[in-house]
Amino acid sequence: MSGLKKLHPVWDGGHFVRDRDDIRLQKFARNLVGWAHWCPGCRKMHVLHVKDYEFSGEKEKPTVRPACIFPKLSADGHHCVYMIQDGRIYFGRECTHRFAGVTVAMKEWSPEESGAPELPGQLAS
């Protein structure tokens, strides 16, 4: 179980790394590829990839730069544009959901309780 958090880490599938001095010794390594958060407007999680965004490192009141854009990809989906600053989501007026132009506090959530698919690279508990 991941527990309730505002941001959940998303990891790659992992790989084995060999010891330089003894090739028989290996350890399993994973790389952080992004952070997932719950979007109340789209009513689903969004994953922000670390290669595209800067994260403040603050877990209780995260800030993410630059603005996040999730275009409408299906007939029942939404166009979602927002900024995350100090643990608040500032939705742009161009959003196509009911939170357009609204600011809300980030919600603590768990992928298991939200019905979201398993986060990539998440280890089973």
Protein backbone atom coordinates (compact mmCIF):
# COMPACT_ATOMS: atom_id res chain seq x y z
CA MET A 1 0.00 0.00 0.00
CA SER A 2 1.24 3.45 -0.84
CA GLY A 3 -0.72 5.28 1.85
CA LEU A 4 -2.20 8.75 1.63
CA LYS A 5 0.12 11.34 0.08
CA LYS A 6 -0.21 14.40 -2.11
CA LEU A 7 2.51 13.17 -4.51
CA HIS A 8 3.35 9.51 -5.16
CA PRO A 9 6.70 8.51 -6.70
CA VAL A 10 6.68 6.73 -10.06
CA TRP A 11 9.72 4.52 -10.69
CA ASP A 12 11.13 2.86 -13.77
CA GLY A 13 11.08 -0.93 -14.02
CA GLY A 14 14.54 -1.16 -12.47
CA HIS A 15 17.73 -2.91 -13.47
CA PHE A 16 20.59 -4.86 -11.93
CA VAL A 17 23.91 -3.12 -11.31
CA ARG A 18 27.07 -5.18 -10.99
CA ASP A 19 29.80 -4.46 -8.49
CA ARG A 20 32.96 -3.19 -10.26
CA ASP A 21 35.25 -5.42 -8.22
CA ASP A 22 33.18 -8.60 -8.08
CA ILE A 23 30.84 -9.28 -11.01
CA ARG A 24 29.04 -11.92 -8.92
CA LEU A 25 27.64 -9.18 -6.68
CA GLN A 26 24.63 -7.35 -8.03
CA LYS A 27 22.10 -4.96 -6.60
CA PHE A 28 18.75 -3.92 -7.96
CA ALA A 29 18.42 -0.21 -8.74
CA ARG A 30 15.39 1.88 -9.72
CA ASN A 31 15.24 5.44 -11.00
CA LEU A 32 12.58 7.99 -10.11
CA VAL A 33 10.83 8.95 -13.37
CA GLY A 34 8.00 11.12 -12.08
CA TRP A 35 5.43 12.07 -9.47
CA ALA A 36 1.72 11.26 -9.59
CA HIS A 37 -1.00 13.41 -8.06
CA TRP A 38 -4.80 13.39 -8.04
CA CYS A 39 -6.56 15.89 -10.31
CA PRO A 40 -10.02 16.69 -8.93
CA GLY A 41 -11.06 18.29 -12.23
CA CYS A 42 -10.27 15.31 -14.45
CA ARG A 43 -11.03 12.89 -11.59
CA LYS A 44 -7.92 10.87 -12.30
CA MET A 45 -4.22 10.88 -11.56
CA HIS A 46 -1.73 12.88 -13.59
CA VAL A 47 1.93 11.82 -13.79
CA LEU A 48 4.52 14.61 -13.99
CA HIS A 49 7.83 13.33 -15.38
CA VAL A 50 11.02 14.56 -13.68
CA LYS A 51 12.65 15.23 -17.06
CA ASP A 52 9.94 17.80 -17.85
CA TYR A 53 9.28 19.44 -14.46
CA GLU A 54 11.15 20.88 -11.48
CA PHE A 55 9.93 19.80 -8.04
CA SER A 56 10.49 21.78 -4.85
CA GLY A 57 11.09 18.64 -2.76
CA GLU A 58 8.53 19.82 -0.23
CA LYS A 59 6.13 16.93 0.42
CA GLU A 60 3.42 18.74 2.39
CA LYS A 61 3.26 21.84 0.18
CA PRO A 62 4.85 20.88 -3.15
CA THR A 63 5.63 23.37 -5.91
CA VAL A 64 6.08 22.23 -9.53
CA ARG A 65 7.43 24.27 -12.44
CA PRO A 66 6.53 24.95 -15.24
CA ALA A 67 2.75 24.86 -15.68
CA CYS A 68 1.27 21.41 -16.34
CA ILE A 69 -0.71 20.73 -19.51
CA PHE A 70 -2.79 17.61 -20.15
CA PRO A 71 -4.60 17.87 -23.50
CA LYS A 72 -7.95 16.24 -24.18
CA LEU A 73 -7.13 12.79 -25.57
CA SER A 74 -10.58 11.22 -25.75
CA ALA A 75 -14.19 12.24 -26.26
CA ASP A 76 -14.93 11.91 -22.54
CA GLY A 77 -11.65 13.47 -21.38
CA HIS A 78 -10.77 17.02 -20.37
CA HIS A 79 -8.21 19.61 -21.42
CA CYS A 80 -6.41 20.47 -18.17
CA VAL A 81 -3.91 23.29 -17.57
CA TYR A 82 -2.69 24.16 -14.07
CA MET A 83 0.14 25.21 -11.80
CA ILE A 84 1.06 23.63 -8.46
CA GLN A 85 2.43 26.04 -5.87
CA ASP A 86 2.75 25.56 -2.12
CA GLY A 87 0.44 22.53 -2.16
CA ARG A 88 -2.33 24.28 -4.10
CA ILE A 89 -3.50 23.62 -7.66
CA TYR A 90 -4.27 26.75 -9.69
CA PHE A 91 -6.43 25.63 -12.63
CA GLY A 92 -6.33 27.76 -15.78
CA ARG A 93 -9.48 29.22 -17.27
CA GLU A 94 -8.90 27.15 -20.41
CA CYS A 95 -9.63 23.88 -18.56
CA THR A 96 -12.71 22.08 -19.85
CA HIS A 97 -13.81 20.76 -16.44
CA ARG A 98 -15.72 22.42 -13.60
CA PHE A 99 -12.50 23.56 -11.84
CA ALA A 100 -11.57 26.03 -14.63
CA GLY A 101 -10.28 29.24 -13.02
CA VAL A 102 -10.45 27.73 -9.51
CA THR A 103 -7.72 27.16 -6.89
CA VAL A 104 -7.87 24.09 -4.63
CA ALA A 105 -5.61 22.53 -2.01
CA MET A 106 -3.92 19.31 -3.15
CA LYS A 107 -5.73 16.29 -1.79
CA GLU A 108 -4.00 13.40 -0.09
CA TRP A 109 -4.92 10.23 -1.96
CA SER A 110 -3.84 6.67 -2.50
CA PRO A 111 -3.76 4.93 -5.89
CA GLU A 112 -5.44 1.87 -4.36
CA GLU A 113 -8.42 3.81 -2.96
CA SER A 114 -8.87 6.02 -6.03
CA GLY A 115 -9.30 3.14 -8.46
CA ALA A 116 -6.30 4.43 -10.42
CA PRO A 117 -4.17 1.85 -12.19
CA GLU A 118 -1.05 0.63 -10.42
CA LEU A 119 1.74 3.19 -10.60
CA PRO A 120 4.56 2.11 -12.93
CA GLY A 121 7.49 0.58 -11.06
CA GLN A 122 5.58 0.32 -7.78
CA LEU A 123 6.75 -2.60 -5.68
CA ALA A 124 4.08 -4.88 -4.28
CA SER A 125 3.85 -4.72 -0.50
